């Protein structure tokens, strides 16, 4: 009997330890390893037009609409969970892909448009902790409507504190090895001549003249030039003008029930006039926007005059937050002066993470049951051969 009690105690202890180890493995897999398993399937797209004299292309990672919760919306557990997910996903992406530059296309914060200065400072600190980039990687933040408000409610205080804390002026030209990125505050494209819009338009006009002078255009008015001319890539929060998402072919675009809903200019997208102004001023090679939380790829062809055509591709980047999508995504972009290639990378969906956790837990229970049965049979055979 003493032997039996010792054997049962040893069996229970063994089962308990295996159960604990199994739970730890499930936690580690679903909260850490699953991000590697998913993202290792995505890589940098290759260029097809590389020339022998070309310099190394620019490798850029683009995320959008992180919407960090503030003190008004959301339960503390939901806030913690979503921020943990984004932190793990982002750090995994940085580790796996090692981009040279990261662009965040607006709506970094969910409540930046009305939070106090103290809350905003805490917001910025949280953002930098969650989306920390190692030395050698540069991050650029583009302002969104949730960061400072839609145009009608933006104040100098709201705009200036974001610009100061995130180093994000209304318009900015970033040049890397002959590749040029123009970062634009979409809410400054209202076209009404306000203090913010006037500042943005003046800077766009200045940058436009730099590109004209660099390309040898007869319309050049100044003297500033780029070391190497190439058409720029526009980065902003709003998409360019479009009537709806019905033109978006991606399976991760708007749900079918929302595809035909008409967009409201200056609310869901830039106005038609601002879109034409940006395209004609900058003649972009590509445009990246966000705001809708859904993906979209559109090939544009603008014809300002009979003998002048501007063609480019616009990409709308889906949200990086599980609060906005069950299947967040980010883009990896390989850029050369002549070509832009985009890879659309999946993060593990909420559904897949939940199903994986349940499957692994059931598998653990089945394993423990089989192990217990096997141990019972083995010990019974062992003990039955002895006089107890």
Protein backbone atom coordinates (compact mmCIF):
# COMPACT_ATOMS: atom_id res chain seq x y z
CA UNK A 1 0.00 0.00 0.00
CA UNK A 2 2.86 2.37 0.81
CA UNK A 3 4.34 1.71 -2.61
CA UNK A 4 0.97 2.42 -4.26
CA UNK A 5 0.58 5.73 -2.42
CA UNK A 6 4.10 6.79 -3.39
CA UNK A 7 3.45 5.79 -6.99
CA UNK A 8 0.17 7.79 -7.10
CA UNK A 9 1.83 10.81 -5.54
CA UNK A 10 4.70 10.58 -8.03
CA UNK A 11 2.19 10.25 -10.89
CA UNK A 12 0.16 13.29 -9.76
CA UNK A 13 3.29 15.37 -9.33
CA UNK A 14 4.52 14.35 -12.78
CA UNK A 15 1.15 15.17 -14.35
CA UNK A 16 0.99 18.52 -12.59
CA UNK A 17 4.48 19.50 -13.73
CA UNK A 18 3.73 18.47 -17.31
CA UNK A 19 0.49 20.46 -17.19
CA UNK A 20 2.30 23.58 -15.94
CA UNK A 21 5.01 23.21 -18.58
CA UNK A 22 2.33 22.77 -21.24
CA UNK A 23 0.53 25.94 -20.14
CA UNK A 24 3.83 27.85 -20.18
CA UNK A 25 4.53 26.60 -23.71
CA UNK A 26 1.05 27.64 -24.89
CA UNK A 27 1.56 31.10 -23.41
CA UNK A 28 5.03 31.51 -24.92
CA UNK A 29 3.88 30.30 -28.33
CA UNK A 30 0.70 32.41 -28.51
CA UNK A 31 2.27 35.56 -27.05
CA UNK A 32 5.77 35.38 -28.58
CA UNK A 33 6.54 32.65 -31.09
CA UNK A 34 3.38 33.01 -33.18
CA UNK A 35 4.56 36.43 -34.35
CA UNK A 36 7.79 34.91 -35.68
CA UNK A 37 5.96 31.99 -37.32
CA UNK A 38 3.62 34.40 -39.14
CA UNK A 39 6.04 37.13 -40.11
CA UNK A 40 8.94 34.96 -41.20
CA UNK A 41 6.81 34.17 -44.27
CA UNK A 42 7.10 37.79 -45.42
CA UNK A 43 10.27 39.33 -46.83
CA UNK A 44 11.61 42.28 -48.76
CA UNK A 45 10.37 42.47 -52.36
CA UNK A 46 13.05 42.36 -55.04
CA UNK A 47 13.56 45.08 -57.62
CA UNK A 48 13.42 44.15 -61.28
CA UNK A 49 15.16 47.24 -62.68
CA UNK A 50 18.46 47.22 -60.79
CA UNK A 51 21.36 48.73 -62.68
CA UNK A 52 25.03 48.08 -62.06
CA UNK A 53 25.61 51.71 -61.10
CA UNK A 54 22.63 51.87 -58.74
CA UNK A 55 23.27 52.43 -55.06
CA UNK A 56 21.72 50.21 -52.40
CA UNK A 57 17.92 50.56 -52.37
CA UNK A 58 16.06 51.93 -49.37
CA UNK A 59 14.23 49.37 -47.23
CA UNK A 60 11.23 50.97 -45.54
CA UNK A 61 8.63 49.52 -43.20
CA UNK A 62 5.22 51.21 -43.14
CA UNK A 63 2.61 50.88 -40.38
CA UNK A 64 -0.57 52.88 -39.80
CA UNK A 65 -3.38 53.65 -37.39
CA UNK A 66 -1.97 52.24 -34.17
CA UNK A 67 -4.64 54.12 -32.15
CA UNK A 68 -3.13 53.79 -28.68
CA UNK A 69 -5.97 54.13 -26.19
CA UNK A 70 -6.08 56.95 -23.68
CA UNK A 71 -7.99 57.38 -20.43
CA UNK A 72 -11.41 57.84 -22.05
CA UNK A 73 -11.95 54.80 -24.23
CA UNK A 74 -11.46 51.11 -23.54
CA UNK A 75 -11.01 48.87 -20.53
CA UNK A 76 -7.55 48.75 -18.96
CA UNK A 77 -7.17 45.05 -19.82
CA UNK A 78 -8.08 45.64 -23.46
CA UNK A 79 -5.63 48.53 -23.55
CA UNK A 80 -2.86 46.40 -22.08
CA UNK A 81 -3.62 43.45 -24.36
CA UNK A 82 -3.67 45.45 -27.60
CA UNK A 83 -0.51 47.36 -26.75
CA UNK A 84 1.26 44.11 -25.86
CA UNK A 85 0.21 42.60 -29.19
CA UNK A 86 1.45 45.60 -31.16
CA UNK A 87 4.70 45.70 -29.20
CA UNK A 88 5.43 42.02 -29.85
CA UNK A 89 4.42 42.22 -33.51
CA UNK A 90 6.48 45.36 -34.16
CA UNK A 91 9.59 44.18 -32.34
CA UNK A 92 9.39 40.85 -34.17
CA UNK A 93 9.13 42.65 -37.51
CA UNK A 94 12.10 44.87 -36.66
CA UNK A 95 14.16 41.84 -35.59
CA UNK A 96 13.31 39.78 -38.66
CA UNK A 97 13.45 42.46 -41.37
CA UNK A 98 15.79 45.16 -40.01
CA UNK A 99 14.35 48.07 -42.05
CA UNK A 100 16.39 51.16 -42.62
CA UNK A 101 13.47 53.49 -41.99
CA UNK A 102 9.97 53.18 -40.49
CA UNK A 103 7.03 55.40 -41.47
CA UNK A 104 3.95 55.61 -39.24
CA UNK A 105 1.03 56.98 -41.27
CA UNK A 106 -0.95 58.79 -38.63
CA UNK A 107 -3.43 58.17 -35.82
CA UNK A 108 -0.67 57.09 -33.49
CA UNK A 109 -3.02 57.97 -30.64
CA UNK A 110 -6.75 57.45 -30.28
CA UNK A 111 -7.43 60.46 -28.04
CA UNK A 112 -4.67 62.90 -28.98
CA UNK A 113 -7.22 65.42 -30.23
CA UNK A 114 -8.65 66.11 -26.76
CA UNK A 115 -6.25 64.78 -24.11
CA UNK A 116 -4.44 67.10 -21.68
CA UNK A 117 -0.78 68.01 -22.05
CA UNK A 118 0.20 65.60 -19.27
CA UNK A 119 -1.73 62.75 -20.92
CA UNK A 120 -0.20 63.61 -24.28
CA UNK A 121 3.31 63.43 -22.84
CA UNK A 122 2.47 60.01 -21.39
CA UNK A 123 1.04 59.01 -24.79
CA UNK A 124 4.30 59.86 -26.52
CA UNK A 125 6.35 57.94 -23.94
CA UNK A 126 4.13 54.86 -24.37
CA UNK A 127 4.40 55.08 -28.13
CA UNK A 128 8.19 55.17 -28.02
CA UNK A 129 8.27 52.19 -25.64
CA UNK A 130 5.88 50.08 -27.71
CA UNK A 131 7.43 50.99 -31.06
CA UNK A 132 11.02 51.28 -29.98
CA UNK A 133 13.53 51.11 -32.83
CA UNK A 134 17.18 50.17 -32.33
CA UNK A 135 20.05 52.41 -33.25
CA UNK A 136 20.52 52.64 -37.00
CA UNK A 137 16.78 52.66 -37.79
CA UNK A 138 14.99 55.99 -38.24
CA UNK A 139 11.28 56.42 -37.54
CA UNK A 140 9.13 59.18 -39.02
CA UNK A 141 5.64 59.89 -37.66
CA UNK A 142 3.00 61.46 -39.92
CA UNK A 143 0.15 63.16 -38.07
CA UNK A 144 -3.43 61.84 -38.28
CA UNK A 145 -6.82 63.28 -37.41
CA UNK A 146 -6.98 61.39 -34.09
CA UNK A 147 -3.63 62.91 -33.12
CA UNK A 148 -4.66 66.58 -33.45
CA UNK A 149 -8.27 66.50 -34.67
CA UNK A 150 -10.02 67.03 -37.98
CA UNK A 151 -9.32 70.35 -39.67
CA UNK A 152 -12.27 72.20 -38.12
CA UNK A 153 -11.09 71.59 -34.54
CA UNK A 154 -7.30 71.85 -34.86
CA UNK A 155 -5.75 74.53 -32.68
CA UNK A 156 -2.17 75.81 -32.79
CA UNK A 157 -1.61 74.13 -29.41
CA UNK A 158 -2.71 70.67 -30.66
CA UNK A 159 -0.72 70.94 -33.90
CA UNK A 160 2.41 72.37 -32.29
CA UNK A 161 2.68 69.85 -29.47
CA UNK A 162 2.53 66.92 -31.92
CA UNK A 163 5.05 68.59 -34.19
CA UNK A 164 7.41 69.28 -31.32
CA UNK A 165 7.18 65.95 -29.50
CA UNK A 166 7.19 63.75 -32.64
CA UNK A 167 9.39 65.98 -34.83
CA UNK A 168 6.64 66.11 -37.44
CA UNK A 169 6.19 69.42 -39.29
CA UNK A 170 3.18 69.81 -41.63
CA UNK A 171 5.34 68.99 -44.66
CA UNK A 172 8.78 67.42 -44.73
CA UNK A 173 11.19 66.25 -47.43
CA UNK A 174 13.32 63.22 -46.53
CA UNK A 175 16.00 62.15 -49.02
CA UNK A 176 17.90 58.86 -48.72
CA UNK A 177 20.45 57.91 -51.42
CA UNK A 178 18.56 59.57 -54.23
CA UNK A 179 15.14 58.40 -53.02
CA UNK A 180 12.82 61.17 -51.85
CA UNK A 181 9.88 60.98 -49.47
CA UNK A 182 7.46 63.87 -48.92
CA UNK A 183 5.63 63.60 -45.58
CA UNK A 184 2.37 65.57 -45.47
CA UNK A 185 -0.18 66.54 -42.82
CA UNK A 186 -3.46 65.58 -44.52
CA UNK A 187 -5.54 67.93 -42.35
CA UNK A 188 -3.46 70.83 -43.69
CA UNK A 189 -4.76 70.11 -47.20
CA UNK A 190 -8.15 71.72 -46.58
CA UNK A 191 -7.45 74.46 -49.12
CA UNK A 192 -9.05 77.27 -47.10
CA UNK A 193 -5.91 79.35 -46.50
CA UNK A 194 -5.86 78.82 -42.73
CA UNK A 195 -2.61 79.29 -40.78
CA UNK A 196 -1.79 75.56 -40.98
CA UNK A 197 -2.81 75.14 -44.61
CA UNK A 198 -0.88 78.23 -45.71
CA UNK A 199 2.27 76.93 -44.07
CA UNK A 200 1.86 73.50 -45.66
CA UNK A 201 1.12 74.84 -49.15
CA UNK A 202 4.13 77.18 -49.00
CA UNK A 203 6.40 74.24 -48.14
CA UNK A 204 4.91 72.02 -50.85
CA UNK A 205 5.44 74.79 -53.39
CA UNK A 206 9.06 75.14 -52.25
CA UNK A 207 9.65 71.38 -52.51
CA UNK A 208 7.89 71.30 -55.88
CA UNK A 209 10.30 73.92 -57.20
CA UNK A 210 13.27 71.90 -55.93
CA UNK A 211 12.06 68.91 -57.94
CA UNK A 212 11.46 71.06 -61.02
CA UNK A 213 14.95 72.53 -60.82
CA UNK A 214 16.48 69.10 -60.22
CA UNK A 215 14.71 67.60 -63.25
CA UNK A 216 15.78 70.44 -65.55
CA UNK A 217 12.25 71.80 -65.98
CA UNK A 218 11.86 75.21 -67.60
CA UNK A 219 9.35 76.01 -64.84
CA UNK A 220 12.14 76.15 -62.23
CA UNK A 221 12.11 79.42 -60.28
CA UNK A 222 14.77 78.91 -57.62
CA UNK A 223 18.29 77.55 -57.32
CA UNK A 224 17.98 74.68 -54.81
CA UNK A 225 18.50 71.24 -56.33
CA UNK A 226 18.68 67.61 -55.22
CA UNK A 227 21.93 65.70 -55.57
CA UNK A 228 20.04 63.08 -57.56
CA UNK A 229 16.59 63.60 -59.04
CA UNK A 230 13.86 60.99 -58.83
CA UNK A 231 10.11 61.31 -58.49
CA UNK A 232 9.09 61.45 -54.82
CA UNK A 233 7.02 59.07 -52.71
CA UNK A 234 4.24 60.83 -50.82
CA UNK A 235 3.45 59.68 -47.27
CA UNK A 236 0.27 60.95 -45.60
CA UNK A 237 -2.62 59.85 -43.41
CA UNK A 238 -5.59 60.35 -45.74
CA UNK A 239 -5.99 58.49 -49.02
CA UNK A 240 -6.16 60.55 -52.17
CA UNK A 241 -9.61 61.40 -53.46
CA UNK A 242 -11.75 58.46 -54.48
CA UNK A 243 -15.52 57.99 -54.53
CA UNK A 244 -15.50 54.81 -52.44
CA UNK A 245 -13.59 51.60 -51.75
CA UNK A 246 -15.44 49.85 -54.58
CA UNK A 247 -12.31 50.23 -56.72
CA UNK A 248 -10.18 48.31 -54.18
CA UNK A 249 -9.50 44.71 -55.29
CA UNK A 250 -7.74 43.43 -52.16
CA UNK A 251 -9.41 40.74 -50.06
CA UNK A 252 -8.46 42.78 -46.99
CA UNK A 253 -10.13 45.96 -48.22
CA UNK A 254 -13.44 47.19 -46.79
CA UNK A 255 -16.15 44.61 -46.06
CA UNK A 256 -18.56 44.08 -48.95
CA UNK A 257 -21.30 45.94 -47.08
CA UNK A 258 -19.12 49.09 -46.90
CA UNK A 259 -17.41 49.04 -50.29
CA UNK A 260 -20.08 51.07 -52.04
CA UNK A 261 -20.46 53.70 -49.31
CA UNK A 262 -19.47 57.05 -50.77
CA UNK A 263 -16.47 58.80 -49.24
CA UNK A 264 -16.87 62.32 -47.88
CA UNK A 265 -14.11 64.63 -49.07
CA UNK A 266 -11.87 66.02 -46.30
CA UNK A 267 -13.29 63.40 -43.94
CA UNK A 268 -12.68 59.99 -45.51
CA UNK A 269 -10.15 61.16 -48.10
CA UNK A 270 -8.51 64.29 -49.48
CA UNK A 271 -10.65 66.59 -51.55
CA UNK A 272 -10.50 66.29 -55.31
CA UNK A 273 -8.90 69.75 -55.56
CA UNK A 274 -6.18 68.95 -53.00
CA UNK A 275 -5.48 65.63 -54.69
CA UNK A 276 -4.98 67.32 -58.04
CA UNK A 277 -2.80 69.99 -56.42
CA UNK A 278 -0.52 67.43 -54.77
CA UNK A 279 -0.23 65.28 -57.88
CA UNK A 280 0.52 68.19 -60.20
CA UNK A 281 2.94 69.82 -57.73
CA UNK A 282 4.93 66.73 -56.76
CA UNK A 283 4.40 64.28 -59.66
CA UNK A 284 4.76 61.33 -57.24
CA UNK A 285 6.20 57.95 -58.09
CA UNK A 286 3.94 56.38 -55.46
CA UNK A 287 1.58 57.50 -52.69
CA UNK A 288 0.98 55.80 -49.34
CA UNK A 289 -2.00 56.65 -47.14
CA UNK A 290 -4.08 55.06 -44.39
CA UNK A 291 -7.11 56.29 -42.34
CA UNK A 292 -9.69 53.74 -43.58
CA UNK A 293 -8.08 50.87 -41.60
CA UNK A 294 -8.44 48.77 -44.77
CA UNK A 295 -6.12 48.00 -47.67
CA UNK A 296 -6.38 49.30 -51.21
CA UNK A 297 -4.14 49.54 -54.27
CA UNK A 298 -5.12 51.95 -57.04
CA UNK A 299 -3.32 52.77 -60.26
CA UNK A 300 -3.79 56.47 -61.06
CA UNK A 301 -3.38 58.30 -64.34
CA UNK A 302 -3.74 62.08 -64.21
CA UNK A 303 -3.73 64.10 -67.44
CA UNK A 304 -3.40 67.81 -66.47
CA UNK A 305 -2.76 68.77 -70.11
CA UNK A 306 -3.15 66.99 -73.43
CA UNK A 307 0.56 66.16 -73.72
CA UNK A 308 1.30 65.57 -70.04
CA UNK A 309 0.38 62.43 -68.10
CA UNK A 310 1.23 61.58 -64.47
CA UNK A 311 0.95 57.89 -63.61
CA UNK A 312 1.60 56.31 -60.22
CA UNK A 313 0.28 53.72 -57.76
CA UNK A 314 -1.46 54.60 -54.51
CA UNK A 315 -1.39 52.20 -51.56
CA UNK A 316 -3.75 52.48 -48.60
CA UNK A 317 -2.13 50.71 -45.64
CA UNK A 318 -4.41 48.71 -43.28
CA UNK A 319 -4.37 49.35 -39.55
CA UNK A 320 -1.64 47.80 -37.40
CA UNK A 321 -4.02 47.42 -34.43
CA UNK A 322 -6.19 44.43 -33.53
CA UNK A 323 -8.77 46.94 -32.24
CA UNK A 324 -9.41 48.06 -35.81
CA UNK A 325 -8.95 44.79 -37.69
CA UNK A 326 -9.00 41.12 -36.81
CA UNK A 327 -6.07 40.71 -39.22
CA UNK A 328 -3.65 43.68 -38.94
CA UNK A 329 -0.95 44.19 -41.56
CA UNK A 330 2.09 46.24 -42.41
CA UNK A 331 4.03 46.90 -45.61
CA UNK A 332 7.66 46.29 -46.51
CA UNK A 333 8.76 48.58 -49.33
CA UNK A 334 11.93 48.36 -51.40
CA UNK A 335 12.66 51.68 -53.09
CA UNK A 336 15.06 52.75 -55.82
CA UNK A 337 14.97 55.97 -57.88
CA UNK A 338 13.28 54.02 -60.70
CA UNK A 339 11.09 51.51 -58.89
CA UNK A 340 8.91 50.91 -55.83
CA UNK A 341 8.10 47.35 -54.80
CA UNK A 342 5.66 46.52 -52.00
CA UNK A 343 5.18 43.38 -49.90
CA UNK A 344 2.04 43.20 -47.76
CA UNK A 345 2.78 41.36 -44.52
CA UNK A 346 0.19 39.64 -42.35
CA UNK A 347 0.13 39.59 -38.58
CA UNK A 348 -1.56 36.65 -36.83
CA UNK A 349 -5.31 37.19 -36.81
CA UNK A 350 -7.25 37.34 -33.58
CA UNK A 351 -9.17 34.25 -34.66
CA UNK A 352 -6.04 32.23 -35.43
CA UNK A 353 -4.45 33.12 -32.09
CA UNK A 354 -7.57 32.05 -30.19
CA UNK A 355 -7.99 28.84 -32.18
CA UNK A 356 -4.30 28.02 -31.77
CA UNK A 357 -4.52 28.49 -27.99
CA UNK A 358 -7.61 26.26 -27.75
CA UNK A 359 -6.07 23.60 -30.02
CA UNK A 360 -2.84 23.51 -28.03
CA UNK A 361 -4.76 23.30 -24.74
CA UNK A 362 -6.88 20.40 -26.01
CA UNK A 363 -3.73 18.71 -27.34
CA UNK A 364 -2.16 19.12 -23.91
CA UNK A 365 -5.14 17.47 -22.20
CA UNK A 366 -5.10 14.58 -24.69
CA UNK A 367 -1.36 14.14 -24.15
CA UNK A 368 -1.76 14.10 -20.36
CA UNK A 369 -4.58 11.57 -20.58
CA UNK A 370 -2.57 9.27 -22.86
CA UNK A 371 0.50 9.67 -20.68
CA UNK A 372 -1.50 8.86 -17.55
CA UNK A 373 -3.04 5.78 -19.15
CA UNK A 374 0.34 4.56 -20.40
CA UNK A 375 1.91 5.14 -16.96
CA UNK A 376 -0.94 3.30 -15.21
CA UNK A 377 -0.59 0.27 -17.49
CA UNK A 378 3.18 0.19 -17.14
CA UNK A 379 3.09 0.48 -13.36
CA UNK A 380 0.31 -2.09 -13.05
CA UNK A 381 2.38 -4.61 -14.99
CA UNK A 382 5.40 -3.76 -12.90
CA UNK A 383 3.60 -4.03 -9.56
CA UNK A 384 1.58 -7.12 -10.48
CA UNK A 385 4.78 -9.11 -10.72
CA UNK A 386 5.61 -8.35 -7.08
CA UNK A 387 4.10 -9.34 -3.71
CA UNK A 388 2.89 -6.12 -2.15
